[in-house]
Amino acid sequence: MATVSFQLVPPAITSPGISRNEAAVLAGLAYSDLFDFPVTRREMARFAPFAPMTPAEVSAAVDSLIARGTVRAHGPYVFLAGRADTIIARRNREATSRAAWRQARRWAGVVWALPFVRMVAVTGSLAAGSMISGQDIDFLIVVNPGRLWTTRALCLLTWRMARIFGTRLCPNYLITSNALSIRQINLYTAREFVQMKPLHGRGTAERLSRANQWTVAFLPNARLDVDLASDDLSPVARLFKRAAETCLRGSLWDRLEAWERRRKIAQLTREVGASTECEFTADVCKHHSNAHGQRILGHYRERLLEVVPSAVVFL
């Protein structure tokens, strides 16, 4: 019977009869297949897990797997045998994602102008280019310490304004610059992190990247792309942001922050129950309910054993 063993470090994959690089390519395709998302060779070179490889090594492994009949290719896309239908799914999701990016950039700019916001990044399905019609646009927002919960309240007002204009935003992940190191260390979190798209706050994005170098253990060829991020603000927005930050400092606003923090932590904790993927503190508001990441990893383990029989995987 095929067996799987999971540990935190070091991540690796082995299987009798195939090379390490071939096993890593299959592991990457198995992960993408969970989302009905065939990949290009360039994407595979970036996101192949567990094994550091050059693009040439990835391409050679893909060609070998195609010759074996385990993997298929059509146009620019590579996918598991029998999954050619996922090409249509990817193209539809890419079209939805392209339409959503204009709104994402517009509202990210609004959030960037809010007081105490130090970074705005698009996460989730839009960042991956696999957004389904009707899904929310997810943001990760970094704010100054001591103002997370009042800034979140301002973000919620922005989300409600966006809803009036037909855009669904989700303020599900805010952290302060005191909490840049992500605590949940696994393949799912690593993938979500490196595919994130920082749009504003390049300096903070660079610090965030340095604080999470552990992702290299899971995705050796991928890094957070901070090149899209800008620190630019219009003169009017910069003036508003500085004035608001000056006005919202002091003991009165400290007490308001503490009151809002206690109130919302109690409310959100009641709502999510014992979810292991949620965290509500003075420095983190992570509202990821339904154990989505753990469910994805559970499905991945099952899919991986189908694709790489007798695999021994360390995640």
Protein backbone atom coordinates (compact mmCIF):
# COMPACT_ATOMS: atom_id res chain seq x y z
CA MET A 1 0.00 0.00 0.00
CA ALA A 2 1.25 3.50 -0.79
CA THR A 3 2.35 5.40 2.28
CA VAL A 4 2.82 9.05 3.04
CA SER A 5 4.76 10.65 5.88
CA PHE A 6 4.52 14.35 6.69
CA GLN A 7 7.00 16.49 8.59
CA LEU A 8 7.74 20.20 8.57
CA VAL A 9 11.35 20.06 7.50
CA PRO A 10 12.95 19.30 5.21
CA PRO A 11 10.26 19.09 2.52
CA ALA A 12 11.07 16.53 -0.16
CA ILE A 13 9.44 13.92 -2.35
CA THR A 14 10.76 10.58 -3.51
CA SER A 15 9.21 7.70 -5.43
CA PRO A 16 10.68 4.49 -6.88
CA GLY A 17 11.21 4.47 -10.62
CA ILE A 18 11.26 8.21 -11.31
CA SER A 19 13.81 10.93 -10.74
CA ARG A 20 13.60 13.57 -8.05
CA ASN A 21 12.88 16.24 -10.68
CA GLU A 22 10.10 14.17 -12.26
CA ALA A 23 8.55 13.60 -8.84
CA ALA A 24 8.67 17.33 -8.11
CA VAL A 25 7.03 18.17 -11.46
CA LEU A 26 4.27 15.67 -10.79
CA ALA A 27 3.83 17.11 -7.29
CA GLY A 28 3.45 20.59 -8.79
CA LEU A 29 0.95 19.40 -11.39
CA ALA A 30 -1.04 17.55 -8.74
CA TYR A 31 -1.33 20.76 -6.73
CA SER A 32 -2.46 22.85 -9.71
CA ASP A 33 -4.87 20.11 -10.74
CA LEU A 34 -6.79 20.63 -7.48
CA PHE A 35 -7.79 24.01 -8.89
CA ASP A 36 -8.43 22.79 -12.47
CA PHE A 37 -5.50 24.94 -13.54
CA PRO A 38 -3.00 23.59 -16.10
CA VAL A 39 0.34 25.39 -16.06
CA THR A 40 2.92 26.61 -18.51
CA ARG A 41 6.49 25.34 -18.32
CA ARG A 42 7.57 28.72 -17.04
CA GLU A 43 5.02 28.52 -14.23
CA MET A 44 6.10 24.99 -13.45
CA ALA A 45 9.71 26.15 -13.22
CA ARG A 46 8.63 28.67 -10.60
CA PHE A 47 6.16 26.63 -8.58
CA ALA A 48 7.51 23.06 -8.71
CA PRO A 49 7.71 22.13 -5.02
CA PHE A 50 10.42 20.49 -2.94
CA ALA A 51 13.27 20.40 -5.49
CA PRO A 52 15.41 23.33 -6.71
CA MET A 53 15.50 23.12 -10.52
CA THR A 54 16.52 25.24 -13.45
CA PRO A 55 13.97 25.88 -16.23
CA ALA A 56 15.94 23.48 -18.44
CA GLU A 57 15.73 20.73 -15.81
CA VAL A 58 12.00 21.30 -15.43
CA SER A 59 11.49 21.11 -19.19
CA ALA A 60 13.54 17.89 -19.39
CA ALA A 61 11.48 16.33 -16.59
CA VAL A 62 8.24 17.39 -18.29
CA ASP A 63 9.40 15.87 -21.61
CA SER A 64 10.28 12.62 -19.86
CA LEU A 65 6.87 12.44 -18.17
CA ILE A 66 5.14 13.18 -21.50
CA ALA A 67 7.06 10.29 -23.06
CA ARG A 68 5.87 8.03 -20.24
CA GLY A 69 2.26 9.11 -20.85
CA THR A 70 1.82 10.47 -17.32
CA VAL A 71 1.67 14.09 -18.44
CA ARG A 72 0.16 15.75 -21.49
CA ALA A 73 0.80 19.08 -23.19
CA HIS A 74 -1.39 21.21 -25.41
CA GLY A 75 -0.18 24.54 -26.70
CA PRO A 76 1.59 26.30 -23.82
CA TYR A 77 -0.10 24.19 -21.13
CA VAL A 78 1.07 21.12 -19.26
CA PHE A 79 -1.36 18.96 -17.29
CA LEU A 80 -1.93 15.48 -15.92
CA ALA A 81 -3.09 12.82 -18.36
CA GLY A 82 -6.85 12.87 -18.80
CA ARG A 83 -7.23 16.47 -17.66
CA ALA A 84 -7.25 18.39 -20.96
CA ASP A 85 -10.65 19.83 -20.02
CA THR A 86 -8.93 22.04 -17.44
CA ILE A 87 -7.54 24.22 -20.25
CA ILE A 88 -11.02 25.66 -20.85
CA ALA A 89 -11.46 26.23 -17.11
CA ARG A 90 -8.16 28.12 -16.96
CA ARG A 91 -8.97 30.34 -19.92
CA ASN A 92 -12.36 31.25 -18.43
CA ARG A 93 -10.79 32.08 -15.08
CA GLU A 94 -8.05 34.14 -16.68
CA ALA A 95 -10.70 36.20 -18.48
CA THR A 96 -12.53 36.76 -15.19
CA SER A 97 -9.26 37.71 -13.50
CA ARG A 98 -8.33 40.24 -16.18
CA ALA A 99 -11.67 41.99 -15.73
CA ALA A 100 -11.25 42.04 -11.94
CA TRP A 101 -7.74 43.50 -11.93
CA ARG A 102 -8.87 46.99 -12.88
CA GLN A 103 -11.17 47.11 -9.85
CA ALA A 104 -8.53 45.55 -7.62
CA ARG A 105 -5.98 48.21 -8.50
CA ARG A 106 -8.51 51.02 -8.11
CA TRP A 107 -9.61 49.96 -4.62
CA ALA A 108 -6.11 49.02 -3.53
CA GLY A 109 -5.20 52.64 -4.26
CA VAL A 110 -8.04 53.83 -2.03
CA VAL A 111 -6.90 51.55 0.80
CA TRP A 112 -3.29 52.70 0.33
CA ALA A 113 -4.41 56.28 1.03
CA LEU A 114 -5.96 55.31 4.38
CA PRO A 115 -4.07 56.30 7.54
CA PHE A 116 -1.54 53.84 8.95
CA VAL A 117 -1.66 51.51 5.92
CA ARG A 118 1.89 50.47 4.98
CA MET A 119 1.28 47.78 2.34
CA VAL A 120 -1.60 46.54 0.18
CA ALA A 121 -1.38 43.22 -1.69
CA VAL A 122 -3.83 41.16 -3.72
CA THR A 123 -4.03 37.53 -2.58
CA GLY A 124 -6.08 34.41 -3.26
CA SER A 125 -7.59 33.41 -6.58
CA LEU A 126 -7.09 36.77 -8.29
CA ALA A 127 -3.39 36.78 -7.45
CA ALA A 128 -3.17 33.30 -8.98
CA GLY A 129 -5.06 34.38 -12.10
CA SER A 130 -7.74 31.77 -11.41
CA MET A 131 -10.66 33.86 -10.22
CA ILE A 132 -14.17 32.49 -10.66
CA SER A 133 -17.01 34.90 -11.43
CA GLY A 134 -18.64 36.10 -8.22
CA GLN A 135 -15.62 35.57 -5.98
CA ASP A 136 -14.35 38.32 -3.69
CA ILE A 137 -11.12 40.21 -4.33
CA ASP A 138 -8.89 39.35 -1.37
CA PHE A 139 -6.35 41.75 0.13
CA LEU A 140 -3.56 41.39 2.65
CA ILE A 141 -2.97 44.74 4.37
CA VAL A 142 -0.05 45.72 6.60
CA VAL A 143 -0.64 48.60 9.04
CA ASN A 144 1.22 50.41 11.77
CA PRO A 145 1.33 48.72 15.19
CA GLY A 146 -1.34 49.98 17.57
CA ARG A 147 -3.85 50.85 14.86
CA LEU A 148 -4.85 47.54 13.30
CA TRP A 149 -8.44 47.43 14.47
CA THR A 150 -9.34 51.07 13.82
CA THR A 151 -7.72 50.79 10.38
CA ARG A 152 -9.75 47.64 9.76
CA ALA A 153 -12.91 49.64 10.55
CA LEU A 154 -11.89 52.19 7.91
CA CYS A 155 -11.24 49.34 5.46
CA LEU A 156 -14.73 47.98 6.09
CA LEU A 157 -16.18 51.36 5.15
CA THR A 158 -14.15 51.18 1.94
CA TRP A 159 -15.43 47.66 1.24
CA ARG A 160 -19.04 48.82 1.67
CA MET A 161 -18.41 51.71 -0.70
CA ALA A 162 -16.95 49.29 -3.24
CA ARG A 163 -20.02 47.09 -2.93
CA ILE A 164 -22.19 50.03 -3.97
CA PHE A 165 -20.17 50.16 -7.21
CA GLY A 166 -20.53 46.41 -7.73
CA THR A 167 -17.11 45.27 -6.51
CA ARG A 168 -16.80 42.59 -3.84
CA LEU A 169 -13.76 43.06 -1.62
CA CYS A 170 -12.71 40.96 1.36
CA PRO A 171 -10.80 42.43 4.35
CA ASN A 172 -9.89 39.02 5.72
CA TYR A 173 -6.19 39.47 6.48
CA LEU A 174 -4.62 42.45 8.24
CA ILE A 175 -1.32 42.42 10.13
CA THR A 176 0.93 45.04 11.65
CA SER A 177 4.62 45.45 10.91
CA ASN A 178 5.23 43.63 14.21
CA ALA A 179 3.75 40.43 12.76
CA LEU A 180 5.38 40.02 9.35
CA SER A 181 6.46 36.42 10.00
CA ILE A 182 3.67 34.03 9.03
CA ARG A 183 3.12 31.31 11.62
CA GLN A 184 1.45 28.62 9.56
CA ILE A 185 4.31 26.90 7.77
CA ASN A 186 3.17 24.50 5.04
CA LEU A 187 3.00 24.15 1.28
CA TYR A 188 -0.41 25.80 0.98
CA THR A 189 0.66 28.91 2.89
CA ALA A 190 3.96 29.07 0.98
CA ARG A 191 2.12 28.96 -2.35
CA GLU A 192 -0.39 31.61 -1.29
CA PHE A 193 2.46 33.82 -0.09
CA VAL A 194 4.75 33.71 -3.12
CA GLN A 195 1.91 34.21 -5.62
CA MET A 196 0.61 37.25 -3.72
CA LYS A 197 0.83 40.54 -5.66
CA PRO A 198 1.97 43.55 -3.57
CA LEU A 199 0.64 46.71 -5.23
CA HIS A 200 1.58 49.40 -2.71
CA GLY A 201 4.27 49.68 -0.04
CA ARG A 202 7.37 48.22 -1.67
CA GLY A 203 9.62 48.72 1.34
CA THR A 204 7.20 46.83 3.59
CA ALA A 205 6.77 44.13 0.95
CA GLU A 206 10.53 43.61 0.89
CA ARG A 207 10.60 43.27 4.68
CA LEU A 208 7.68 40.85 4.50
CA SER A 209 9.57 38.74 1.97
CA ARG A 210 12.70 38.67 4.14
CA ALA A 211 10.64 37.67 7.18
CA ASN A 212 9.28 34.60 5.38
CA GLN A 213 12.30 33.00 3.78
CA TRP A 214 11.00 29.63 5.01
CA THR A 215 8.86 29.49 1.84
CA VAL A 216 12.01 28.59 -0.10
CA ALA A 217 12.04 25.19 1.63
CA PHE A 218 8.68 24.38 0.03
CA LEU A 219 9.03 26.29 -3.25
CA PRO A 220 12.77 26.56 -3.91
CA ASN A 221 12.36 28.41 -7.23
CA ALA A 222 9.75 31.00 -6.15
CA ARG A 223 10.07 34.36 -4.47
CA LEU A 224 7.53 37.06 -3.63
CA ASP A 225 7.49 39.50 -6.55
CA VAL A 226 7.76 42.99 -5.06
CA ASP A 227 8.50 44.74 -8.36
CA LEU A 228 4.84 45.70 -8.91
CA ALA A 229 4.65 47.52 -5.58
CA SER A 230 4.86 51.30 -5.52
CA ASP A 231 5.09 53.83 -2.71
CA ASP A 232 3.57 56.58 -4.84
CA LEU A 233 0.63 58.67 -3.65
CA SER A 234 -0.94 61.70 -5.28
CA PRO A 235 -0.15 64.98 -3.47
CA VAL A 236 -3.75 65.23 -2.24
CA ALA A 237 -3.81 61.63 -0.98
CA ARG A 238 -0.43 62.05 0.71
CA LEU A 239 -1.63 65.19 2.48
CA PHE A 240 -4.83 63.44 3.61
CA LYS A 241 -2.91 60.41 4.87
CA ARG A 242 -0.42 62.47 6.89
CA ALA A 243 -3.11 64.70 8.35
CA ALA A 244 -5.29 61.74 9.32
CA GLU A 245 -2.38 59.93 10.96
CA THR A 246 -1.54 63.04 12.96
CA CYS A 247 -5.15 63.44 14.10
CA LEU A 248 -5.56 59.77 15.00
CA ARG A 249 -2.57 59.59 17.35
CA GLY A 250 -2.75 60.13 21.08
CA SER A 251 -4.28 58.54 24.17
CA LEU A 252 -7.89 59.07 23.07
CA TRP A 253 -7.34 57.05 19.91
CA ASP A 254 -5.32 54.48 21.84
CA ARG A 255 -8.40 53.88 23.99
CA LEU A 256 -10.61 53.69 20.90
CA GLU A 257 -8.25 51.14 19.35
CA ALA A 258 -8.34 49.04 22.54
CA TRP A 259 -12.15 49.18 22.67
CA GLU A 260 -12.53 48.21 19.02
CA ARG A 261 -9.98 45.42 19.41
CA ARG A 262 -11.76 43.88 22.40
CA ARG A 263 -15.16 44.21 20.75
CA LYS A 264 -14.22 42.71 17.41
CA ILE A 265 -12.02 39.94 18.76
CA ALA A 266 -14.89 38.75 20.96
CA GLN A 267 -17.35 38.93 18.07
CA LEU A 268 -15.13 37.26 15.48
CA THR A 269 -14.05 34.53 17.89
CA ARG A 270 -17.68 33.65 18.50
CA GLU A 271 -18.33 33.54 14.77
CA VAL A 272 -15.45 31.26 13.78
CA GLY A 273 -15.41 28.97 16.80
CA ALA A 274 -12.36 26.74 17.00
CA SER A 275 -10.98 27.38 13.50
CA THR A 276 -7.24 26.75 13.47
CA GLU A 277 -6.65 29.15 10.57
CA CYS A 278 -8.07 32.25 12.24
CA GLU A 279 -6.10 34.57 14.48
CA PHE A 280 -7.28 37.71 16.23
CA THR A 281 -4.77 39.70 18.28
CA ALA A 282 -3.47 43.25 18.59
CA ASP A 283 -1.23 42.57 15.57
CA VAL A 284 -3.19 40.07 13.45
CA CYS A 285 -6.70 39.85 12.08
CA LYS A 286 -6.79 36.68 9.99
CA HIS A 287 -10.35 35.67 9.22
CA HIS A 288 -9.90 32.43 7.23
CA SER A 289 -12.74 30.23 8.39
CA ASN A 290 -13.70 26.67 7.40
CA ALA A 291 -10.08 25.44 7.63
CA HIS A 292 -9.67 26.06 3.89
CA GLY A 293 -5.91 25.58 3.85
CA GLN A 294 -6.03 22.32 5.77
CA ARG A 295 -8.76 21.00 3.48
CA ILE A 296 -6.66 21.84 0.43
CA LEU A 297 -3.64 20.07 1.91
CA GLY A 298 -5.78 17.04 2.73
CA HIS A 299 -7.05 16.84 -0.85
CA TYR A 300 -3.51 17.37 -2.09
CA ARG A 301 -2.15 14.42 -0.14
CA GLU A 302 -4.81 12.19 -1.67
CA ARG A 303 -4.22 13.51 -5.20
CA LEU A 304 -0.47 13.22 -4.85
CA LEU A 305 -0.65 9.56 -3.99
CA GLU A 306 -2.79 8.97 -7.07
CA VAL A 307 -0.29 10.77 -9.29
CA VAL A 308 2.95 9.56 -7.68
CA PRO A 309 2.27 6.00 -6.43
CA SER A 310 4.33 4.84 -3.45
CA ALA A 311 5.45 8.40 -2.85
CA VAL A 312 7.02 9.34 0.44
CA VAL A 313 6.39 13.04 1.00
CA PHE A 314 7.72 15.35 3.65
CA LEU A 315 5.65 18.52 3.82
